[in-house]
Amino acid sequence: MEFQFETRYDQKGLTVLARALRKTVRKKRSRRSHMFGWSVVALAILLTAAQRLLGEPWAVRDTLNCGVGVILIAVFFTEDSVNAFFAKKKLLPGTSLAKCVFTEESYTSTTEVASTEFHYEAVQQVCETANYFVFLFSRQHGQIYDKATLSGGAVEDFRTFITEKTGKPIVYIK
């Protein structure tokens, strides 16, 4: 059986990849970072509130504290998009469109620049979202496959195929 995908590594796809990394292989580190960040936000709020309770006039320090809190909150709610933005900047020219062919032994990803063969045992985690399959290789590397471009079988067939070949259960990411 042979499956084929054609995937564009754009902002939307890279955001999905960043979310999958954050919710699986980076889960513990992400949780620690969020706890630290929310602690900083709480401290900024407490410091500003304490200054108001003491009757101190508004100072530059208070503006900075509020600014840091607002920036951290904004990053928390957009972190996957921010990570995708920087990942897109690091993409090599000619690698934003990948055509991938899955066979029984391995799969091959072809871009304008190169063609690379991958073995299924290299996949650390397999994830699925509403529009993509996501393969994770490490805390920094992954690949996405657009379900809309799947040919050679149905999504259910590919799901069964990839679970069998990798030996990994598929984690659904919202």
N, C-alpha and C. Protein backbone atom coordinates (compact mmCIF):
# COMPACT_ATOMS: atom_id res chain seq x y z
N MET A 1 0.85 -1.18 0.00
CA MET A 1 0.00 0.00 0.00
C MET A 1 0.88 1.23 0.00
N GLU A 2 0.49 2.26 -0.75
CA GLU A 2 1.28 3.48 -0.87
C GLU A 2 0.38 4.70 -0.66
N PHE A 3 0.78 5.54 0.28
CA PHE A 3 0.04 6.78 0.56
C PHE A 3 0.91 7.95 0.14
N GLN A 4 0.26 9.04 -0.29
CA GLN A 4 1.00 10.23 -0.69
C GLN A 4 0.35 11.48 -0.08
N PHE A 5 1.20 12.41 0.30
CA PHE A 5 0.77 13.70 0.82
C PHE A 5 1.54 14.79 0.10
N GLU A 6 0.94 15.96 0.00
CA GLU A 6 1.63 17.16 -0.45
C GLU A 6 1.32 18.24 0.57
N THR A 7 2.31 18.65 1.32
CA THR A 7 2.09 19.56 2.44
C THR A 7 2.88 20.84 2.28
N ARG A 8 2.21 21.95 2.54
CA ARG A 8 2.85 23.26 2.53
C ARG A 8 3.16 23.64 3.98
N TYR A 9 4.42 23.96 4.23
CA TYR A 9 4.84 24.39 5.57
C TYR A 9 4.63 25.90 5.68
N ASP A 10 3.39 26.28 5.98
CA ASP A 10 3.03 27.68 6.12
C ASP A 10 2.77 27.98 7.59
N GLN A 11 2.32 29.19 7.89
CA GLN A 11 2.07 29.60 9.27
C GLN A 11 1.07 28.67 9.96
N LYS A 12 0.00 28.32 9.27
CA LYS A 12 -1.03 27.45 9.84
C LYS A 12 -0.46 26.07 10.19
N GLY A 13 0.23 25.46 9.25
CA GLY A 13 0.80 24.14 9.49
C GLY A 13 1.86 24.13 10.57
N LEU A 14 2.72 25.14 10.55
CA LEU A 14 3.77 25.21 11.56
C LEU A 14 3.20 25.50 12.96
N THR A 15 2.07 26.20 13.02
CA THR A 15 1.41 26.42 14.31
C THR A 15 0.89 25.09 14.86
N VAL A 16 0.35 24.27 14.00
CA VAL A 16 -0.11 22.92 14.40
C VAL A 16 1.08 22.10 14.91
N LEU A 17 2.20 22.16 14.20
CA LEU A 17 3.40 21.44 14.62
C LEU A 17 3.88 21.93 15.98
N ALA A 18 3.91 23.25 16.18
CA ALA A 18 4.34 23.81 17.46
C ALA A 18 3.41 23.37 18.60
N ARG A 19 2.11 23.36 18.34
CA ARG A 19 1.14 22.94 19.36
C ARG A 19 1.35 21.46 19.72
N ALA A 20 1.57 20.63 18.70
CA ALA A 20 1.80 19.20 18.95
C ALA A 20 3.07 18.99 19.78
N LEU A 21 4.13 19.71 19.46
CA LEU A 21 5.36 19.60 20.24
C LEU A 21 5.12 20.03 21.69
N ARG A 22 4.42 21.15 21.87
CA ARG A 22 4.17 21.68 23.22
C ARG A 22 3.31 20.73 24.05
N LYS A 23 2.34 20.07 23.42
CA LYS A 23 1.42 19.24 24.18
C LYS A 23 1.88 17.80 24.35
N THR A 24 3.00 17.42 23.74
CA THR A 24 3.48 16.04 23.87
C THR A 24 4.90 16.01 24.41
N VAL A 25 5.89 16.07 23.53
CA VAL A 25 7.27 15.87 23.97
C VAL A 25 7.84 17.02 24.79
N ARG A 26 7.25 18.21 24.70
CA ARG A 26 7.70 19.35 25.51
C ARG A 26 6.76 19.64 26.68
N LYS A 27 5.87 18.74 26.97
CA LYS A 27 4.81 18.99 27.95
C LYS A 27 5.33 19.40 29.33
N LYS A 28 6.29 18.68 29.84
CA LYS A 28 6.81 18.96 31.18
C LYS A 28 7.50 20.33 31.23
N ARG A 29 8.33 20.60 30.23
CA ARG A 29 9.05 21.87 30.20
C ARG A 29 8.08 23.04 29.99
N SER A 30 7.07 22.82 29.16
CA SER A 30 6.08 23.85 28.90
C SER A 30 5.30 24.18 30.17
N ARG A 31 4.96 23.16 30.93
CA ARG A 31 4.23 23.37 32.18
C ARG A 31 5.07 24.19 33.15
N ARG A 32 6.36 23.87 33.26
CA ARG A 32 7.24 24.63 34.15
C ARG A 32 7.38 26.08 33.71
N SER A 33 7.50 26.29 32.41
CA SER A 33 7.62 27.65 31.88
C SER A 33 6.35 28.45 32.15
N HIS A 34 5.21 27.80 31.99
CA HIS A 34 3.94 28.49 32.26
C HIS A 34 3.81 28.84 33.74
N MET A 35 4.20 27.93 34.62
CA MET A 35 4.12 28.21 36.06
C MET A 35 5.02 29.40 36.41
N PHE A 36 6.22 29.42 35.87
CA PHE A 36 7.13 30.54 36.13
C PHE A 36 6.55 31.84 35.58
N GLY A 37 6.06 31.80 34.35
CA GLY A 37 5.51 33.00 33.72
C GLY A 37 4.31 33.56 34.47
N TRP A 38 3.38 32.67 34.86
CA TRP A 38 2.21 33.14 35.62
C TRP A 38 2.62 33.68 36.99
N SER A 39 3.68 33.12 37.57
CA SER A 39 4.19 33.66 38.84
C SER A 39 4.71 35.08 38.65
N VAL A 40 5.40 35.32 37.54
CA VAL A 40 5.90 36.67 37.26
C VAL A 40 4.73 37.64 37.05
N VAL A 41 3.69 37.19 36.34
CA VAL A 41 2.50 38.03 36.13
C VAL A 41 1.85 38.36 37.48
N ALA A 42 1.70 37.33 38.34
CA ALA A 42 1.09 37.55 39.66
C ALA A 42 1.94 38.51 40.50
N LEU A 43 3.25 38.36 40.43
CA LEU A 43 4.15 39.25 41.17
C LEU A 43 4.02 40.69 40.66
N ALA A 44 3.91 40.87 39.36
CA ALA A 44 3.75 42.21 38.80
C ALA A 44 2.46 42.85 39.30
N ILE A 45 1.39 42.06 39.33
CA ILE A 45 0.10 42.57 39.81
C ILE A 45 0.19 42.91 41.30
N LEU A 46 0.81 42.04 42.09
CA LEU A 46 0.95 42.29 43.53
C LEU A 46 1.79 43.53 43.82
N LEU A 47 2.88 43.68 43.10
CA LEU A 47 3.73 44.86 43.32
C LEU A 47 2.99 46.15 42.99
N THR A 48 2.26 46.13 41.89
CA THR A 48 1.50 47.32 41.50
C THR A 48 0.39 47.61 42.51
N ALA A 49 -0.30 46.54 42.94
CA ALA A 49 -1.39 46.72 43.93
C ALA A 49 -0.84 47.21 45.26
N ALA A 50 0.32 46.69 45.68
CA ALA A 50 0.92 47.11 46.94
C ALA A 50 1.28 48.59 46.90
N GLN A 51 1.80 49.05 45.79
CA GLN A 51 2.14 50.47 45.65
C GLN A 51 0.88 51.34 45.77
N ARG A 52 -0.23 50.88 45.20
CA ARG A 52 -1.48 51.65 45.27
C ARG A 52 -2.01 51.66 46.70
N LEU A 53 -1.91 50.53 47.41
CA LEU A 53 -2.40 50.46 48.79
C LEU A 53 -1.58 51.33 49.73
N LEU A 54 -0.31 51.48 49.42
CA LEU A 54 0.57 52.33 50.23
C LEU A 54 0.42 53.81 49.89
N GLY A 55 -0.38 54.10 48.87
CA GLY A 55 -0.61 55.49 48.49
C GLY A 55 0.49 56.10 47.65
N GLU A 56 1.36 55.27 47.13
CA GLU A 56 2.45 55.76 46.27
C GLU A 56 1.88 56.24 44.94
N PRO A 57 2.45 57.29 44.38
CA PRO A 57 2.00 57.72 43.04
C PRO A 57 2.48 56.74 41.98
N TRP A 58 1.78 56.75 40.85
CA TRP A 58 2.15 55.87 39.74
C TRP A 58 3.55 56.22 39.27
N ALA A 59 4.40 55.21 39.11
CA ALA A 59 5.79 55.44 38.71
C ALA A 59 6.11 54.64 37.45
N VAL A 60 7.26 54.93 36.90
CA VAL A 60 7.74 54.21 35.71
C VAL A 60 7.85 52.72 36.02
N ARG A 61 8.25 52.40 37.23
CA ARG A 61 8.38 51.01 37.67
C ARG A 61 7.04 50.29 37.54
N ASP A 62 5.94 50.94 37.90
CA ASP A 62 4.61 50.34 37.79
C ASP A 62 4.24 50.09 36.32
N THR A 63 4.59 51.03 35.47
CA THR A 63 4.33 50.87 34.04
C THR A 63 5.11 49.68 33.49
N LEU A 64 6.36 49.56 33.92
CA LEU A 64 7.18 48.43 33.47
C LEU A 64 6.61 47.10 33.97
N ASN A 65 6.19 47.07 35.25
CA ASN A 65 5.60 45.84 35.80
C ASN A 65 4.36 45.43 35.02
N CYS A 66 3.49 46.39 34.73
CA CYS A 66 2.27 46.09 33.97
C CYS A 66 2.61 45.68 32.54
N GLY A 67 3.59 46.33 31.96
CA GLY A 67 4.01 45.99 30.61
C GLY A 67 4.53 44.56 30.51
N VAL A 68 5.35 44.17 31.47
CA VAL A 68 5.87 42.80 31.50
C VAL A 68 4.72 41.80 31.63
N GLY A 69 3.79 42.10 32.51
CA GLY A 69 2.63 41.21 32.70
C GLY A 69 1.79 41.07 31.44
N VAL A 70 1.53 42.18 30.77
CA VAL A 70 0.73 42.15 29.54
C VAL A 70 1.45 41.38 28.44
N ILE A 71 2.75 41.60 28.30
CA ILE A 71 3.53 40.90 27.27
C ILE A 71 3.53 39.40 27.55
N LEU A 72 3.73 39.00 28.78
CA LEU A 72 3.72 37.57 29.11
C LEU A 72 2.36 36.94 28.83
N ILE A 73 1.29 37.61 29.19
CA ILE A 73 -0.05 37.08 28.93
C ILE A 73 -0.27 36.93 27.42
N ALA A 74 0.14 37.93 26.65
CA ALA A 74 -0.01 37.85 25.19
C ALA A 74 0.78 36.68 24.62
N VAL A 75 1.99 36.46 25.12
CA VAL A 75 2.80 35.34 24.64
C VAL A 75 2.17 34.01 25.02
N PHE A 76 1.61 33.91 26.21
CA PHE A 76 0.96 32.65 26.62
C PHE A 76 -0.17 32.27 25.68
N PHE A 77 -0.94 33.24 25.24
CA PHE A 77 -2.10 32.94 24.40
C PHE A 77 -1.75 32.79 22.92
N THR A 78 -0.55 33.20 22.52
CA THR A 78 -0.16 33.09 21.12
C THR A 78 1.15 32.33 20.94
N GLU A 79 1.58 31.56 21.92
CA GLU A 79 2.91 30.96 21.88
C GLU A 79 3.11 30.01 20.70
N ASP A 80 2.10 29.27 20.30
CA ASP A 80 2.26 28.36 19.17
C ASP A 80 2.45 29.14 17.87
N SER A 81 1.71 30.23 17.71
CA SER A 81 1.87 31.07 16.52
C SER A 81 3.23 31.76 16.51
N VAL A 82 3.69 32.18 17.67
CA VAL A 82 5.01 32.83 17.77
C VAL A 82 6.10 31.82 17.42
N ASN A 83 6.01 30.61 17.95
CA ASN A 83 6.98 29.56 17.62
C ASN A 83 6.95 29.24 16.13
N ALA A 84 5.74 29.20 15.55
CA ALA A 84 5.61 28.92 14.12
C ALA A 84 6.24 30.03 13.29
N PHE A 85 6.07 31.27 13.71
CA PHE A 85 6.66 32.40 13.00
C PHE A 85 8.18 32.25 12.93
N PHE A 86 8.80 31.94 14.06
CA PHE A 86 10.26 31.79 14.07
C PHE A 86 10.70 30.54 13.34
N ALA A 87 9.92 29.47 13.40
CA ALA A 87 10.25 28.25 12.65
C ALA A 87 10.20 28.53 11.14
N LYS A 88 9.23 29.31 10.72
CA LYS A 88 9.11 29.64 9.30
C LYS A 88 10.31 30.46 8.83
N LYS A 89 10.80 31.33 9.70
CA LYS A 89 11.98 32.13 9.36
C LYS A 89 13.21 31.24 9.17
N LYS A 90 13.25 30.10 9.87
CA LYS A 90 14.40 29.20 9.80
C LYS A 90 14.32 28.20 8.65
N LEU A 91 13.16 28.12 7.98
CA LEU A 91 13.03 27.20 6.85
C LEU A 91 14.02 27.56 5.75
N LEU A 92 14.68 26.56 5.23
CA LEU A 92 15.59 26.79 4.11
C LEU A 92 14.78 27.09 2.85
N PRO A 93 15.29 27.92 1.96
CA PRO A 93 14.59 28.19 0.71
C PRO A 93 14.35 26.88 -0.06
N GLY A 94 13.14 26.72 -0.57
CA GLY A 94 12.81 25.53 -1.34
C GLY A 94 12.27 24.37 -0.53
N THR A 95 12.09 24.58 0.78
CA THR A 95 11.60 23.49 1.62
C THR A 95 10.19 23.73 2.16
N SER A 96 9.52 24.74 1.67
CA SER A 96 8.19 25.04 2.20
C SER A 96 7.10 24.14 1.62
N LEU A 97 7.39 23.43 0.54
CA LEU A 97 6.43 22.48 -0.03
C LEU A 97 7.10 21.11 -0.06
N ALA A 98 6.46 20.12 0.58
CA ALA A 98 7.02 18.77 0.64
C ALA A 98 6.01 17.77 0.11
N LYS A 99 6.50 16.90 -0.75
CA LYS A 99 5.70 15.78 -1.25
C LYS A 99 6.25 14.53 -0.60
N CYS A 100 5.37 13.76 0.00
CA CYS A 100 5.81 12.60 0.77
C CYS A 100 5.10 11.35 0.29
N VAL A 101 5.86 10.27 0.13
CA VAL A 101 5.32 8.99 -0.29
C VAL A 101 5.64 7.96 0.78
N PHE A 102 4.60 7.32 1.31
CA PHE A 102 4.74 6.30 2.35
C PHE A 102 4.64 4.93 1.70
N THR A 103 5.65 4.10 1.92
CA THR A 103 5.64 2.72 1.43
C THR A 103 5.74 1.78 2.62
N GLU A 104 5.78 0.50 2.37
CA GLU A 104 5.84 -0.49 3.44
C GLU A 104 7.12 -0.39 4.27
N GLU A 105 8.25 -0.12 3.62
CA GLU A 105 9.55 -0.13 4.31
C GLU A 105 9.92 1.20 4.94
N SER A 106 9.59 2.31 4.27
CA SER A 106 10.00 3.64 4.72
C SER A 106 9.14 4.67 4.01
N TYR A 107 9.45 5.93 4.24
CA TYR A 107 8.76 6.98 3.51
C TYR A 107 9.78 8.01 3.05
N THR A 108 9.47 8.65 1.93
CA THR A 108 10.38 9.59 1.30
C THR A 108 9.71 10.95 1.19
N SER A 109 10.42 11.97 1.66
CA SER A 109 9.95 13.35 1.58
C SER A 109 10.79 14.08 0.55
N THR A 110 10.11 14.71 -0.41
CA THR A 110 10.80 15.40 -1.49
C THR A 110 10.41 16.87 -1.51
N THR A 111 11.43 17.74 -1.53
CA THR A 111 11.22 19.18 -1.66
C THR A 111 11.95 19.64 -2.92
N GLU A 112 11.93 20.93 -3.19
CA GLU A 112 12.66 21.47 -4.34
C GLU A 112 14.17 21.26 -4.18
N VAL A 113 14.62 21.15 -2.94
CA VAL A 113 16.04 21.09 -2.64
C VAL A 113 16.58 19.67 -2.56
N ALA A 114 15.82 18.77 -1.95
CA ALA A 114 16.36 17.43 -1.69
C ALA A 114 15.25 16.40 -1.56
N SER A 115 15.68 15.16 -1.56
CA SER A 115 14.78 14.04 -1.31
C SER A 115 15.40 13.22 -0.18
N THR A 116 14.61 12.97 0.86
CA THR A 116 15.12 12.29 2.04
C THR A 116 14.26 11.09 2.39
N GLU A 117 14.91 9.97 2.69
CA GLU A 117 14.20 8.76 3.10
C GLU A 117 14.23 8.66 4.62
N PHE A 118 13.07 8.38 5.20
CA PHE A 118 12.95 8.23 6.64
C PHE A 118 12.46 6.83 6.97
N HIS A 119 12.89 6.32 8.11
CA HIS A 119 12.42 5.02 8.58
C HIS A 119 11.43 5.23 9.72
N TYR A 120 10.45 4.37 9.78
CA TYR A 120 9.36 4.54 10.74
C TYR A 120 9.82 4.48 12.20
N GLU A 121 10.89 3.75 12.47
CA GLU A 121 11.35 3.65 13.87
C GLU A 121 11.94 4.96 14.38
N ALA A 122 12.23 5.91 13.50
CA ALA A 122 12.76 7.22 13.93
C ALA A 122 11.66 8.11 14.51
N VAL A 123 10.41 7.78 14.25
CA VAL A 123 9.30 8.59 14.73
C VAL A 123 9.11 8.35 16.22
N GLN A 124 9.20 9.41 17.01
CA GLN A 124 9.07 9.31 18.46
C GLN A 124 7.61 9.37 18.90
N GLN A 125 6.80 10.18 18.21
CA GLN A 125 5.40 10.38 18.58
C GLN A 125 4.60 10.68 17.32
N VAL A 126 3.40 10.11 17.22
CA VAL A 126 2.50 10.40 16.11
C VAL A 126 1.28 11.12 16.68
N CYS A 127 0.96 12.28 16.10
CA CYS A 127 -0.19 13.06 16.56
C CYS A 127 -1.13 13.29 15.38
N GLU A 128 -2.37 13.61 15.72
CA GLU A 128 -3.35 13.92 14.70
C GLU A 128 -4.17 15.11 15.15
N THR A 129 -4.44 16.02 14.23
CA THR A 129 -5.34 17.13 14.48
C THR A 129 -6.47 17.03 13.47
N ALA A 130 -7.34 18.00 13.45
CA ALA A 130 -8.46 17.96 12.51
C ALA A 130 -7.97 17.97 11.06
N ASN A 131 -6.86 18.65 10.77
CA ASN A 131 -6.41 18.80 9.39
C ASN A 131 -5.07 18.16 9.07
N TYR A 132 -4.32 17.72 10.08
CA TYR A 132 -2.97 17.23 9.84
C TYR A 132 -2.66 15.97 10.64
N PHE A 133 -1.70 15.20 10.11
CA PHE A 133 -0.98 14.21 10.88
C PHE A 133 0.36 14.85 11.21
N VAL A 134 0.87 14.60 12.40
CA VAL A 134 2.12 15.22 12.83
C VAL A 134 3.04 14.11 13.33
N PHE A 135 4.25 14.06 12.80
CA PHE A 135 5.27 13.13 13.27
C PHE A 135 6.30 13.94 14.04
N LEU A 136 6.62 13.50 15.25
CA LEU A 136 7.61 14.19 16.07
C LEU A 136 8.83 13.29 16.22
N PHE A 137 10.01 13.86 15.99
CA PHE A 137 11.25 13.12 16.07
C PHE A 137 12.05 13.46 17.33
N SER A 138 11.90 14.67 17.82
CA SER A 138 12.61 15.12 19.03
C SER A 138 11.86 16.32 19.56
N ARG A 139 12.43 16.98 20.55
CA ARG A 139 11.79 18.17 21.11
C ARG A 139 11.85 19.36 20.15
N GLN A 140 12.66 19.26 19.11
CA GLN A 140 12.84 20.37 18.18
C GLN A 140 12.41 20.05 16.75
N HIS A 141 12.19 18.79 16.41
CA HIS A 141 11.96 18.42 15.02
C HIS A 141 10.69 17.61 14.83
N GLY A 142 9.99 17.94 13.77
CA GLY A 142 8.77 17.22 13.43
C GLY A 142 8.40 17.47 11.98
N GLN A 143 7.40 16.73 11.53
CA GLN A 143 6.89 16.89 10.17
C GLN A 143 5.37 16.88 10.23
N ILE A 144 4.75 17.59 9.29
CA ILE A 144 3.30 17.62 9.20
C ILE A 144 2.86 17.07 7.85
N TYR A 145 1.65 16.49 7.84
CA TYR A 145 1.08 15.94 6.61
C TYR A 145 -0.37 16.38 6.54
N ASP A 146 -0.69 17.11 5.49
CA ASP A 146 -2.02 17.68 5.29
C ASP A 146 -3.00 16.60 4.85
N LYS A 147 -4.02 16.34 5.66
CA LYS A 147 -5.01 15.30 5.35
C LYS A 147 -5.75 15.58 4.05
N ALA A 148 -5.94 16.84 3.71
CA ALA A 148 -6.70 17.20 2.51
C ALA A 148 -5.99 16.74 1.24
N THR A 149 -4.69 16.52 1.29
CA THR A 149 -3.94 16.13 0.10
C THR A 149 -3.62 14.64 0.07
N LEU A 150 -4.16 13.88 1.00
CA LEU A 150 -3.89 12.44 1.07
C LEU A 150 -4.44 11.74 -0.17
N SER A 151 -3.60 10.92 -0.78
CA SER A 151 -4.05 10.07 -1.88
C SER A 151 -3.50 8.66 -1.64
N GLY A 152 -4.16 7.68 -2.21
CA GLY A 152 -3.74 6.29 -2.04
C GLY A 152 -4.54 5.56 -1.00
N GLY A 153 -5.52 6.21 -0.39
CA GLY A 153 -6.35 5.57 0.63
C GLY A 153 -7.07 6.62 1.45
N ALA A 154 -7.90 6.13 2.33
CA ALA A 154 -8.66 7.02 3.22
C ALA A 154 -7.84 7.36 4.46
N VAL A 155 -8.28 8.38 5.16
CA VAL A 155 -7.61 8.81 6.40
C VAL A 155 -7.57 7.65 7.40
N GLU A 156 -8.65 6.91 7.52
CA GLU A 156 -8.71 5.78 8.45
C GLU A 156 -7.67 4.71 8.08
N ASP A 157 -7.50 4.48 6.76
CA ASP A 157 -6.51 3.51 6.30
C ASP A 157 -5.10 3.97 6.66
N PHE A 158 -4.81 5.25 6.46
CA PHE A 158 -3.49 5.76 6.80
C PHE A 158 -3.25 5.70 8.30
N ARG A 159 -4.28 6.02 9.08
CA ARG A 159 -4.16 5.96 10.54
C ARG A 159 -3.77 4.55 10.98
N THR A 160 -4.43 3.55 10.45
CA THR A 160 -4.13 2.15 10.77
C THR A 160 -2.72 1.79 10.30
N PHE A 161 -2.38 2.19 9.08
CA PHE A 161 -1.08 1.91 8.50
C PHE A 161 0.05 2.48 9.35
N ILE A 162 -0.06 3.74 9.72
CA ILE A 162 1.03 4.41 10.43
C ILE A 162 1.15 3.90 11.87
N THR A 163 0.03 3.54 12.48
CA THR A 163 0.08 2.96 13.82
C THR A 163 0.81 1.63 13.79
N GLU A 164 0.55 0.85 12.77
CA GLU A 164 1.21 -0.45 12.63
C GLU A 164 2.70 -0.29 12.35
N LYS A 165 3.05 0.63 11.45
CA LYS A 165 4.46 0.79 11.05
C LYS A 165 5.33 1.41 12.14
N THR A 166 4.81 2.38 12.86
CA THR A 166 5.62 3.04 13.89
C THR A 166 5.54 2.31 15.23
N GLY A 167 4.47 1.57 15.44
CA GLY A 167 4.27 0.93 16.73
C GLY A 167 3.87 1.91 17.82
N LYS A 168 3.47 3.11 17.43
CA LYS A 168 3.10 4.17 18.38
C LYS A 168 1.61 4.46 18.24
N PRO A 169 0.95 4.68 19.36
CA PRO A 169 -0.46 5.10 19.28
C PRO A 169 -0.54 6.56 18.79
N ILE A 170 -1.62 6.91 18.16
CA ILE A 170 -1.81 8.27 17.67
C ILE A 170 -2.45 9.09 18.77
N VAL A 171 -1.85 10.24 19.08
CA VAL A 171 -2.36 11.16 20.09
C VAL A 171 -3.15 12.24 19.35
N TYR A 172 -4.41 12.44 19.73
CA TYR A 172 -5.21 13.47 19.09
C TYR A 172 -4.99 14.81 19.81
N ILE A 173 -4.63 15.83 19.05
CA ILE A 173 -4.38 17.17 19.58
C ILE A 173 -5.48 18.09 19.10
N LYS A 174 -6.09 18.83 20.01
CA LYS A 174 -7.16 19.79 19.63
C LYS A 174 -6.57 21.08 19.17
